[in-house]
């Protein structure tokens, strides 16, 4: 049940296109919130709320260094998502082989 709860949080976080954009950016490099906000068409405060949601749901981690909050991906969350997709794919493939 705990794994499903974590997975639900991951899907909820990734349901929002802005949060997916943030995850995509962090796939390339760790970044401060201000750098994440630059290309996005919204205020820094709004981006900060998205970052907080991603962190709360375990997709990213942040660390405040002086006045800068640096963000990076949490690979365990992506692993959990990958495992779920792989499991569903194998279930589907087994059901197709019986047809």
PDB file of N, CA and C in Angstrom:
ATOM      1  N   UNK A   1       0.835  -1.205   0.000  1.00  0.00           N
ATOM      2  CA  UNK A   1       0.000   0.000   0.000  1.00  0.00           C
ATOM      3  C   UNK A   1       0.869   1.253   0.000  1.00  0.00           C
ATOM      4  N   UNK A   2       1.964   1.211   0.760  1.00  0.00           N
ATOM      5  CA  UNK A   2       2.845   2.377   0.840  1.00  0.00           C
ATOM      6  C   UNK A   2       3.429   2.719  -0.530  1.00  0.00           C
ATOM      7  N   UNK A   3       3.804   1.683  -1.310  1.00  0.00           N
ATOM      8  CA  UNK A   3       4.336   1.930  -2.649  1.00  0.00           C
ATOM      9  C   UNK A   3       3.300   2.584  -3.552  1.00  0.00           C
ATOM     10  N   UNK A   4       2.044   2.153  -3.432  1.00  0.00           N
ATOM     11  CA  UNK A   4       1.001   2.761  -4.242  1.00  0.00           C
ATOM     12  C   UNK A   4       0.770   4.212  -3.849  1.00  0.00           C
ATOM     13  N   UNK A   5       0.850   4.503  -2.555  1.00  0.00           N
ATOM     14  CA  UNK A   5       0.707   5.887  -2.110  1.00  0.00           C
ATOM     15  C   UNK A   5       1.820   6.748  -2.700  1.00  0.00           C
ATOM     16  N   UNK A   6       3.040   6.267  -2.646  1.00  0.00           N
ATOM     17  CA  UNK A   6       4.167   7.009  -3.219  1.00  0.00           C
ATOM     18  C   UNK A   6       3.969   7.187  -4.713  1.00  0.00           C
ATOM     19  N   UNK A   7       3.519   6.141  -5.384  1.00  0.00           N
ATOM     20  CA  UNK A   7       3.287   6.216  -6.824  1.00  0.00           C
ATOM     21  C   UNK A   7       2.175   7.211  -7.147  1.00  0.00           C
ATOM     22  N   UNK A   8       1.132   7.228  -6.340  1.00  0.00           N
ATOM     23  CA  UNK A   8       0.056   8.204  -6.546  1.00  0.00           C
ATOM     24  C   UNK A   8       0.577   9.628  -6.445  1.00  0.00           C
ATOM     25  N   UNK A   9       1.462   9.870  -5.496  1.00  0.00           N
ATOM     26  CA  UNK A   9       2.051  11.203  -5.352  1.00  0.00           C
ATOM     27  C   UNK A   9       2.891  11.563  -6.574  1.00  0.00           C
ATOM     28  N   UNK A  10       3.622  10.602  -7.086  1.00  0.00           N
ATOM     29  CA  UNK A  10       4.445  10.849  -8.271  1.00  0.00           C
ATOM     30  C   UNK A  10       3.556  11.209  -9.456  1.00  0.00           C
ATOM     31  N   UNK A  11       2.502  10.427  -9.680  1.00  0.00           N
ATOM     32  CA  UNK A  11       1.593  10.728 -10.795  1.00  0.00           C
ATOM     33  C   UNK A  11       0.911  12.081 -10.604  1.00  0.00           C
ATOM     34  N   UNK A  12       0.533  12.368  -9.382  1.00  0.00           N
ATOM     35  CA  UNK A  12      -0.104  13.663  -9.107  1.00  0.00           C
ATOM     36  C   UNK A  12       0.859  14.804  -9.419  1.00  0.00           C
ATOM     37  N   UNK A  13       2.098  14.648  -9.007  1.00  0.00           N
ATOM     38  CA  UNK A  13       3.097  15.683  -9.270  1.00  0.00           C
ATOM     39  C   UNK A  13       3.321  15.861 -10.764  1.00  0.00           C
ATOM     40  N   UNK A  14       3.403  14.764 -11.486  1.00  0.00           N
ATOM     41  CA  UNK A  14       3.704  14.839 -12.920  1.00  0.00           C
ATOM     42  C   UNK A  14       2.486  15.166 -13.776  1.00  0.00           C
ATOM     43  N   UNK A  15       1.315  15.229 -13.179  1.00  0.00           N
ATOM     44  CA  UNK A  15       0.112  15.581 -13.932  1.00  0.00           C
ATOM     45  C   UNK A  15       0.145  17.036 -14.397  1.00  0.00           C
ATOM     46  N   UNK A  16       0.908  17.855 -13.708  1.00  0.00           N
ATOM     47  CA  UNK A  16       0.980  19.276 -14.050  1.00  0.00           C
ATOM     48  C   UNK A  16       2.115  19.525 -15.043  1.00  0.00           C
ATOM     49  N   UNK A  17       1.829  20.191 -16.176  1.00  0.00           N
ATOM     50  CA  UNK A  17       2.864  20.411 -17.198  1.00  0.00           C
ATOM     51  C   UNK A  17       4.047  21.245 -16.704  1.00  0.00           C
ATOM     52  N   UNK A  18       3.813  22.186 -15.811  1.00  0.00           N
ATOM     53  CA  UNK A  18       4.920  22.990 -15.283  1.00  0.00           C
ATOM     54  C   UNK A  18       5.862  22.122 -14.468  1.00  0.00           C
ATOM     55  N   UNK A  19       5.301  21.233 -13.673  1.00  0.00           N
ATOM     56  CA  UNK A  19       6.153  20.357 -12.875  1.00  0.00           C
ATOM     57  C   UNK A  19       6.916  19.379 -13.765  1.00  0.00           C
ATOM     58  N   UNK A  20       6.287  18.932 -14.857  1.00  0.00           N
ATOM     59  CA  UNK A  20       7.024  18.083 -15.801  1.00  0.00           C
ATOM     60  C   UNK A  20       8.167  18.865 -16.433  1.00  0.00           C
ATOM     61  N   UNK A  21       7.929  20.139 -16.755  1.00  0.00           N
ATOM     62  CA  UNK A  21       9.001  20.986 -17.301  1.00  0.00           C
ATOM     63  C   UNK A  21      10.161  21.097 -16.317  1.00  0.00           C
ATOM     64  N   UNK A  22       9.848  21.262 -15.046  1.00  0.00           N
ATOM     65  CA  UNK A  22      10.895  21.375 -14.022  1.00  0.00           C
ATOM     66  C   UNK A  22      11.685  20.076 -13.940  1.00  0.00           C
ATOM     67  N   UNK A  23      11.001  18.945 -13.948  1.00  0.00           N
ATOM     68  CA  UNK A  23      11.688  17.649 -13.906  1.00  0.00           C
ATOM     69  C   UNK A  23      12.591  17.494 -15.126  1.00  0.00           C
ATOM     70  N   UNK A  24      12.090  17.861 -16.305  1.00  0.00           N
ATOM     71  CA  UNK A  24      12.906  17.765 -17.520  1.00  0.00           C
ATOM     72  C   UNK A  24      14.153  18.628 -17.415  1.00  0.00           C
ATOM     73  N   UNK A  25      14.014  19.824 -16.903  1.00  0.00           N
ATOM     74  CA  UNK A  25      15.167  20.701 -16.734  1.00  0.00           C
ATOM     75  C   UNK A  25      16.172  20.077 -15.774  1.00  0.00           C
ATOM     76  N   UNK A  26      15.691  19.494 -14.688  1.00  0.00           N
ATOM     77  CA  UNK A  26      16.586  18.905 -13.693  1.00  0.00           C
ATOM     78  C   UNK A  26      17.205  17.592 -14.169  1.00  0.00           C
ATOM     79  N   UNK A  27      16.674  17.012 -15.241  1.00  0.00           N
ATOM     80  CA  UNK A  27      17.330  15.841 -15.836  1.00  0.00           C
ATOM     81  C   UNK A  27      18.673  16.239 -16.443  1.00  0.00           C
ATOM     82  N   UNK A  28      18.769  17.472 -16.891  1.00  0.00           N
ATOM     83  CA  UNK A  28      20.004  17.951 -17.519  1.00  0.00           C
ATOM     84  C   UNK A  28      21.029  18.413 -16.498  1.00  0.00           C
ATOM     85  N   UNK A  29      20.551  19.015 -15.398  1.00  0.00           N
ATOM     86  CA  UNK A  29      21.484  19.561 -14.415  1.00  0.00           C
ATOM     87  C   UNK A  29      20.741  19.965 -13.150  1.00  0.00           C
ATOM     88  N   UNK A  30      21.466  20.000 -12.038  1.00  0.00           N
ATOM     89  CA  UNK A  30      20.925  20.592 -10.814  1.00  0.00           C
ATOM     90  C   UNK A  30      20.803  22.086 -11.074  1.00  0.00           C
ATOM     91  N   UNK A  31      19.846  22.732 -10.434  1.00  0.00           N
ATOM     92  CA  UNK A  31      19.636  24.151 -10.724  1.00  0.00           C
ATOM     93  C   UNK A  31      19.004  24.870  -9.545  1.00  0.00           C
ATOM     94  N   UNK A  32      19.358  26.137  -9.380  1.00  0.00           N
ATOM     95  CA  UNK A  32      18.666  26.947  -8.373  1.00  0.00           C
ATOM     96  C   UNK A  32      17.253  27.292  -8.863  1.00  0.00           C
ATOM     97  N   UNK A  33      16.383  27.553  -7.926  1.00  0.00           N
ATOM     98  CA  UNK A  33      14.990  27.866  -8.273  1.00  0.00           C
ATOM     99  C   UNK A  33      14.924  29.049  -9.239  1.00  0.00           C
ATOM    100  N   UNK A  34      15.777  30.037  -9.051  1.00  0.00           N
ATOM    101  CA  UNK A  34      15.747  31.208  -9.939  1.00  0.00           C
ATOM    102  C   UNK A  34      16.060  30.816 -11.385  1.00  0.00           C
ATOM    103  N   UNK A  35      16.977  29.883 -11.600  1.00  0.00           N
ATOM    104  CA  UNK A  35      17.281  29.420 -12.962  1.00  0.00           C
ATOM    105  C   UNK A  35      16.132  28.611 -13.546  1.00  0.00           C
ATOM    106  N   UNK A  36      15.469  27.846 -12.696  1.00  0.00           N
ATOM    107  CA  UNK A  36      14.312  27.077 -13.151  1.00  0.00           C
ATOM    108  C   UNK A  36      13.210  28.027 -13.596  1.00  0.00           C
ATOM    109  N   UNK A  37      13.045  29.120 -12.873  1.00  0.00           N
ATOM    110  CA  UNK A  37      11.953  30.061 -13.146  1.00  0.00           C
ATOM    111  C   UNK A  37      12.179  30.872 -14.422  1.00  0.00           C
ATOM    112  N   UNK A  38      13.427  31.094 -14.804  1.00  0.00           N
ATOM    113  CA  UNK A  38      13.718  31.984 -15.942  1.00  0.00           C
ATOM    114  C   UNK A  38      12.930  31.667 -17.212  1.00  0.00           C
ATOM    115  N   UNK A  39      12.925  30.428 -17.695  1.00  0.00           N
ATOM    116  CA  UNK A  39      12.214  30.174 -18.951  1.00  0.00           C
ATOM    117  C   UNK A  39      10.703  30.000 -18.802  1.00  0.00           C
ATOM    118  N   UNK A  40      10.216  29.941 -17.575  1.00  0.00           N
ATOM    119  CA  UNK A  40       8.794  29.676 -17.368  1.00  0.00           C
ATOM    120  C   UNK A  40       7.992  30.976 -17.322  1.00  0.00           C
ATOM    121  N   UNK A  41       6.803  30.957 -17.908  1.00  0.00           N
ATOM    122  CA  UNK A  41       5.975  32.173 -17.977  1.00  0.00           C
ATOM    123  C   UNK A  41       5.140  32.402 -16.719  1.00  0.00           C
ATOM    124  N   UNK A  42       5.812  32.454 -15.561  1.00  0.00           N
ATOM    125  CA  UNK A  42       5.094  32.665 -14.305  1.00  0.00           C
ATOM    126  C   UNK A  42       6.042  33.275 -13.290  1.00  0.00           C
ATOM    127  N   UNK A  43       5.486  33.712 -12.206  1.00  0.00           N
ATOM    128  CA  UNK A  43       6.298  34.381 -11.186  1.00  0.00           C
ATOM    129  C   UNK A  43       7.204  33.386 -10.458  1.00  0.00           C
ATOM    130  N   UNK A  44       8.235  33.918  -9.836  1.00  0.00           N
ATOM    131  CA  UNK A  44       9.138  33.102  -9.029  1.00  0.00           C
ATOM    132  C   UNK A  44       8.373  32.439  -7.890  1.00  0.00           C
ATOM    133  N   UNK A  45       7.423  33.143  -7.310  1.00  0.00           N
ATOM    134  CA  UNK A  45       6.616  32.578  -6.214  1.00  0.00           C
ATOM    135  C   UNK A  45       5.831  31.349  -6.681  1.00  0.00           C
ATOM    136  N   UNK A  46       5.283  31.403  -7.881  1.00  0.00           N
ATOM    137  CA  UNK A  46       4.531  30.266  -8.417  1.00  0.00           C
ATOM    138  C   UNK A  46       5.460  29.089  -8.689  1.00  0.00           C
ATOM    139  N   UNK A  47       6.617  29.367  -9.273  1.00  0.00           N
ATOM    140  CA  UNK A  47       7.594  28.303  -9.522  1.00  0.00           C
ATOM    141  C   UNK A  47       8.027  27.683  -8.203  1.00  0.00           C
ATOM    142  N   UNK A  48       8.237  28.503  -7.193  1.00  0.00           N
ATOM    143  CA  UNK A  48       8.628  28.005  -5.872  1.00  0.00           C
ATOM    144  C   UNK A  48       7.571  27.056  -5.323  1.00  0.00           C
ATOM    145  N   UNK A  49       6.304  27.359  -5.518  1.00  0.00           N
ATOM    146  CA  UNK A  49       5.240  26.463  -5.051  1.00  0.00           C
ATOM    147  C   UNK A  49       5.288  25.125  -5.794  1.00  0.00           C
ATOM    148  N   UNK A  50       5.565  25.165  -7.098  1.00  0.00           N
ATOM    149  CA  UNK A  50       5.705  23.918  -7.861  1.00  0.00           C
ATOM    150  C   UNK A  50       6.899  23.110  -7.352  1.00  0.00           C
ATOM    151  N   UNK A  51       8.006  23.776  -7.087  1.00  0.00           N
ATOM    152  CA  UNK A  51       9.203  23.112  -6.559  1.00  0.00           C
ATOM    153  C   UNK A  51       8.873  22.481  -5.205  1.00  0.00           C
ATOM    154  N   UNK A  52       8.172  23.206  -4.358  1.00  0.00           N
ATOM    155  CA  UNK A  52       7.799  22.671  -3.042  1.00  0.00           C
ATOM    156  C   UNK A  52       6.921  21.431  -3.183  1.00  0.00           C
ATOM    157  N   UNK A  53       6.006  21.449  -4.146  1.00  0.00           N
ATOM    158  CA  UNK A  53       5.144  20.279  -4.375  1.00  0.00           C
ATOM    159  C   UNK A  53       5.976  19.093  -4.840  1.00  0.00           C
ATOM    160  N   UNK A  54       6.882  19.320  -5.769  1.00  0.00           N
ATOM    161  CA  UNK A  54       7.746  18.228  -6.247  1.00  0.00           C
ATOM    162  C   UNK A  54       8.597  17.661  -5.114  1.00  0.00           C
ATOM    163  N   UNK A  55       9.060  18.527  -4.245  1.00  0.00           N
ATOM    164  CA  UNK A  55       9.859  18.061  -3.116  1.00  0.00           C
ATOM    165  C   UNK A  55       8.988  17.308  -2.109  1.00  0.00           C
ATOM    166  N   UNK A  56       7.821  17.831  -1.814  1.00  0.00           N
ATOM    167  CA  UNK A  56       6.907  17.183  -0.866  1.00  0.00           C
ATOM    168  C   UNK A  56       6.542  15.773  -1.345  1.00  0.00           C
ATOM    169  N   UNK A  57       6.388  15.607  -2.653  1.00  0.00           N
ATOM    170  CA  UNK A  57       5.990  14.312  -3.205  1.00  0.00           C
ATOM    171  C   UNK A  57       7.182  13.438  -3.565  1.00  0.00           C
ATOM    172  N   UNK A  58       8.392  13.887  -3.221  1.00  0.00           N
ATOM    173  CA  UNK A  58       9.567  13.045  -3.332  1.00  0.00           C
ATOM    174  C   UNK A  58      10.242  12.966  -4.683  1.00  0.00           C
ATOM    175  N   UNK A  59       9.867  13.821  -5.626  1.00  0.00           N
ATOM    176  CA  UNK A  59      10.494  13.779  -6.950  1.00  0.00           C
ATOM    177  C   UNK A  59      11.805  14.547  -7.017  1.00  0.00           C
ATOM    178  N   UNK A  60      11.930  15.558  -6.192  1.00  0.00           N
ATOM    179  CA  UNK A  60      13.174  16.327  -6.166  1.00  0.00           C
ATOM    180  C   UNK A  60      13.585  16.560  -4.721  1.00  0.00           C
ATOM    181  N   UNK A  61      14.804  17.007  -4.562  1.00  0.00           N
ATOM    182  CA  UNK A  61      15.318  17.448  -3.273  1.00  0.00           C
ATOM    183  C   UNK A  61      15.874  18.845  -3.461  1.00  0.00           C
ATOM    184  N   UNK A  62      15.893  19.603  -2.390  1.00  0.00           N
ATOM    185  CA  UNK A  62      16.468  20.951  -2.448  1.00  0.00           C
ATOM    186  C   UNK A  62      17.373  21.160  -1.245  1.00  0.00           C
ATOM    187  N   UNK A  63      18.273  22.104  -1.401  1.00  0.00           N
ATOM    188  CA  UNK A  63      19.163  22.485  -0.319  1.00  0.00           C
ATOM    189  C   UNK A  63      19.414  23.972  -0.440  1.00  0.00           C
ATOM    190  N   UNK A  64      19.246  24.663   0.670  1.00  0.00           N
ATOM    191  CA  UNK A  64      19.503  26.097   0.676  1.00  0.00           C
ATOM    192  C   UNK A  64      20.980  26.324   0.957  1.00  0.00           C
ATOM    193  N   UNK A  65      21.644  26.994   0.028  1.00  0.00           N
ATOM    194  CA  UNK A  65      23.060  27.326   0.151  1.00  0.00           C
ATOM    195  C   UNK A  65      23.145  28.846   0.155  1.00  0.00           C
ATOM    196  N   UNK A  66      23.316  29.420   1.322  1.00  0.00           N
ATOM    197  CA  UNK A  66      23.265  30.876   1.445  1.00  0.00           C
ATOM    198  C   UNK A  66      21.855  31.347   1.151  1.00  0.00           C
ATOM    199  N   UNK A  67      21.720  32.183   0.143  1.00  0.00           N
ATOM    200  CA  UNK A  67      20.399  32.695  -0.249  1.00  0.00           C
ATOM    201  C   UNK A  67      19.804  31.947  -1.431  1.00  0.00           C
ATOM    202  N   UNK A  68      20.510  30.923  -1.893  1.00  0.00           N
ATOM    203  CA  UNK A  68      20.097  30.188  -3.097  1.00  0.00           C
ATOM    204  C   UNK A  68      19.587  28.805  -2.715  1.00  0.00           C
ATOM    205  N   UNK A  69      18.426  28.428  -3.263  1.00  0.00           N
ATOM    206  CA  UNK A  69      17.891  27.084  -3.062  1.00  0.00           C
ATOM    207  C   UNK A  69      18.172  26.277  -4.332  1.00  0.00           C
ATOM    208  N   UNK A  70      19.032  25.266  -4.183  1.00  0.00           N
ATOM    209  CA  UNK A  70      19.419  24.416  -5.309  1.00  0.00           C
ATOM    210  C   UNK A  70      18.535  23.171  -5.323  1.00  0.00           C
ATOM    211  N   UNK A  71      18.123  22.760  -6.518  1.00  0.00           N
ATOM    212  CA  UNK A  71      17.230  21.614  -6.686  1.00  0.00           C
ATOM    213  C   UNK A  71      17.915  20.529  -7.513  1.00  0.00           C
ATOM    214  N   UNK A  72      17.598  19.270  -7.202  1.00  0.00           N
ATOM    215  CA  UNK A  72      18.066  18.154  -8.017  1.00  0.00           C
ATOM    216  C   UNK A  72      17.033  17.043  -7.960  1.00  0.00           C
ATOM    217  N   UNK A  73      17.076  16.175  -8.965  1.00  0.00           N
ATOM    218  CA  UNK A  73      16.128  15.062  -9.035  1.00  0.00           C
ATOM    219  C   UNK A  73      16.417  14.031  -7.960  1.00  0.00           C
ATOM    220  N   UNK A  74      15.373  13.394  -7.523  1.00  0.00           N
ATOM    221  CA  UNK A  74      15.476  12.272  -6.592  1.00  0.00           C
ATOM    222  C   UNK A  74      15.280  11.005  -7.424  1.00  0.00           C
ATOM    223  N   UNK A  75      16.368  10.300  -7.756  1.00  0.00           N
ATOM    224  CA  UNK A  75      16.256   9.165  -8.681  1.00  0.00           C
ATOM    225  C   UNK A  75      15.375   8.030  -8.183  1.00  0.00           C
ATOM    226  N   UNK A  76      15.209   7.871  -6.884  1.00  0.00           N
ATOM    227  CA  UNK A  76      14.362   6.794  -6.369  1.00  0.00           C
ATOM    228  C   UNK A  76      12.917   6.952  -6.824  1.00  0.00           C
ATOM    229  N   UNK A  77      12.458   8.185  -6.942  1.00  0.00           N
ATOM    230  CA  UNK A  77      11.084   8.410  -7.405  1.00  0.00           C
ATOM    231  C   UNK A  77      10.941   7.973  -8.853  1.00  0.00           C
ATOM    232  N   UNK A  78      11.922   8.296  -9.669  1.00  0.00           N
ATOM    233  CA  UNK A  78      11.873   7.882 -11.065  1.00  0.00           C
ATOM    234  C   UNK A  78      12.018   6.367 -11.178  1.00  0.00           C
ATOM    235  N   UNK A  79      12.814   5.762 -10.307  1.00  0.00           N
ATOM    236  CA  UNK A  79      12.936   4.300 -10.291  1.00  0.00           C
ATOM    237  C   UNK A  79      11.598   3.654  -9.969  1.00  0.00           C
ATOM    238  N   UNK A  80      10.887   4.207  -8.990  1.00  0.00           N
ATOM    239  CA  UNK A  80       9.576   3.677  -8.606  1.00  0.00           C
ATOM    240  C   UNK A  80       8.607   3.733  -9.788  1.00  0.00           C
ATOM    241  N   UNK A  81       8.624   4.851 -10.494  1.00  0.00           N
ATOM    242  CA  UNK A  81       7.770   5.024 -11.666  1.00  0.00           C
ATOM    243  C   UNK A  81       8.159   4.037 -12.755  1.00  0.00           C
ATOM    244  N   UNK A  82       9.449   3.895 -12.992  1.00  0.00           N
ATOM    245  CA  UNK A  82       9.959   2.977 -14.006  1.00  0.00           C
ATOM    246  C   UNK A  82       9.570   1.535 -13.684  1.00  0.00           C
ATOM    247  N   UNK A  83       9.680   1.144 -12.427  1.00  0.00           N
ATOM    248  CA  UNK A  83       9.312  -0.216 -12.019  1.00  0.00           C
ATOM    249  C   UNK A  83       7.829  -0.475 -12.244  1.00  0.00           C
ATOM    250  N   UNK A  84       7.000   0.515 -11.939  1.00  0.00           N
ATOM    251  CA  UNK A  84       5.557   0.346 -12.133  1.00  0.00           C
ATOM    252  C   UNK A  84       5.236   0.170 -13.615  1.00  0.00           C
ATOM    253  N   UNK A  85       5.842   1.004 -14.453  1.00  0.00           N
ATOM    254  CA  UNK A  85       5.602   0.912 -15.899  1.00  0.00           C
ATOM    255  C   UNK A  85       6.094  -0.437 -16.421  1.00  0.00           C
ATOM    256  N   UNK A  86       7.272  -0.870 -15.999  1.00  0.00           N
ATOM    257  CA  UNK A  86       7.812  -2.158 -16.448  1.00  0.00           C
ATOM    258  C   UNK A  86       6.898  -3.308 -16.026  1.00  0.00           C
ATOM    259  N   UNK A  87       6.384  -3.245 -14.797  1.00  0.00           N
ATOM    260  CA  UNK A  87       5.489  -4.290 -14.316  1.00  0.00           C
ATOM    261  C   UNK A  87       4.198  -4.323 -15.145  1.00  0.00           C
ATOM    262  N   UNK A  88       3.623  -3.161 -15.411  1.00  0.00           N
ATOM    263  CA  UNK A  88       2.390  -3.110 -16.202  1.00  0.00           C
ATOM    264  C   UNK A  88       2.643  -3.614 -17.622  1.00  0.00           C
ATOM    265  N   UNK A  89       3.794  -3.257 -18.191  1.00  0.00           N
ATOM    266  CA  UNK A  89       4.131  -3.719 -19.538  1.00  0.00           C
ATOM    267  C   UNK A  89       4.260  -5.241 -19.564  1.00  0.00           C
ATOM    268  N   UNK A  90       4.902  -5.819 -18.548  1.00  0.00           N
ATOM    269  CA  UNK A  90       5.063  -7.281 -18.528  1.00  0.00           C
ATOM    270  C   UNK A  90       3.716  -7.972 -18.359  1.00  0.00           C
ATOM    271  N   UNK A  91       2.827  -7.399 -17.550  1.00  0.00           N
ATOM    272  CA  UNK A  91       1.471  -7.969 -17.407  1.00  0.00           C
ATOM    273  C   UNK A  91       0.750  -7.966 -18.738  1.00  0.00           C
ATOM    274  N   UNK A  92       0.852  -6.837 -19.438  1.00  0.00           N
ATOM    275  CA  UNK A  92       0.184  -6.712 -20.729  1.00  0.00           C
ATOM    276  C   UNK A  92       0.768  -7.711 -21.726  1.00  0.00           C
ATOM    277  N   UNK A  93       2.104  -7.830 -21.754  1.00  0.00           N
ATOM    278  CA  UNK A  93       2.745  -8.759 -22.692  1.00  0.00           C
ATOM    279  C   UNK A  93       2.352 -10.200 -22.409  1.00  0.00           C
ATOM    280  N   UNK A  94       2.254 -10.556 -21.120  1.00  0.00           N
ATOM    281  CA  UNK A  94       1.803 -11.920 -20.780  1.00  0.00           C
ATOM    282  C   UNK A  94       0.373 -12.146 -21.252  1.00  0.00           C
ATOM    283  N   UNK A  95      -0.476 -11.149 -21.086  1.00  0.00           N
ATOM    284  CA  UNK A  95      -1.870 -11.328 -21.517  1.00  0.00           C
ATOM    285  C   UNK A  95      -1.967 -11.426 -23.035  1.00  0.00           C
ATOM    286  N   UNK A  96      -1.090 -10.751 -23.750  1.00  0.00           N
ATOM    287  CA  UNK A  96      -1.108 -10.815 -25.218  1.00  0.00           C
ATOM    288  C   UNK A  96      -0.601 -12.153 -25.729  1.00  0.00           C
ATOM    289  N   UNK A  97       0.309 -12.769 -24.992  1.00  0.00           N
ATOM    290  CA  UNK A  97       0.848 -14.064 -25.433  1.00  0.00           C
ATOM    291  C   UNK A  97      -0.177 -15.179 -25.273  1.00  0.00           C
ATOM    292  N   UNK A  98      -1.202 -14.942 -24.455  1.00  0.00           N
ATOM    293  CA  UNK A  98      -2.253 -15.956 -24.273  1.00  0.00           C
ATOM    294  C   UNK A  98      -3.344 -15.837 -25.314  1.00  0.00           C
ATOM    295  N   UNK A  99      -3.325 -14.776 -26.081  1.00  0.00           N
ATOM    296  CA  UNK A  99      -4.392 -14.542 -27.071  1.00  0.00           C
ATOM    297  C   UNK A  99      -4.154 -15.350 -28.312  1.00  0.00           C
TER     298      UNK A  99
END
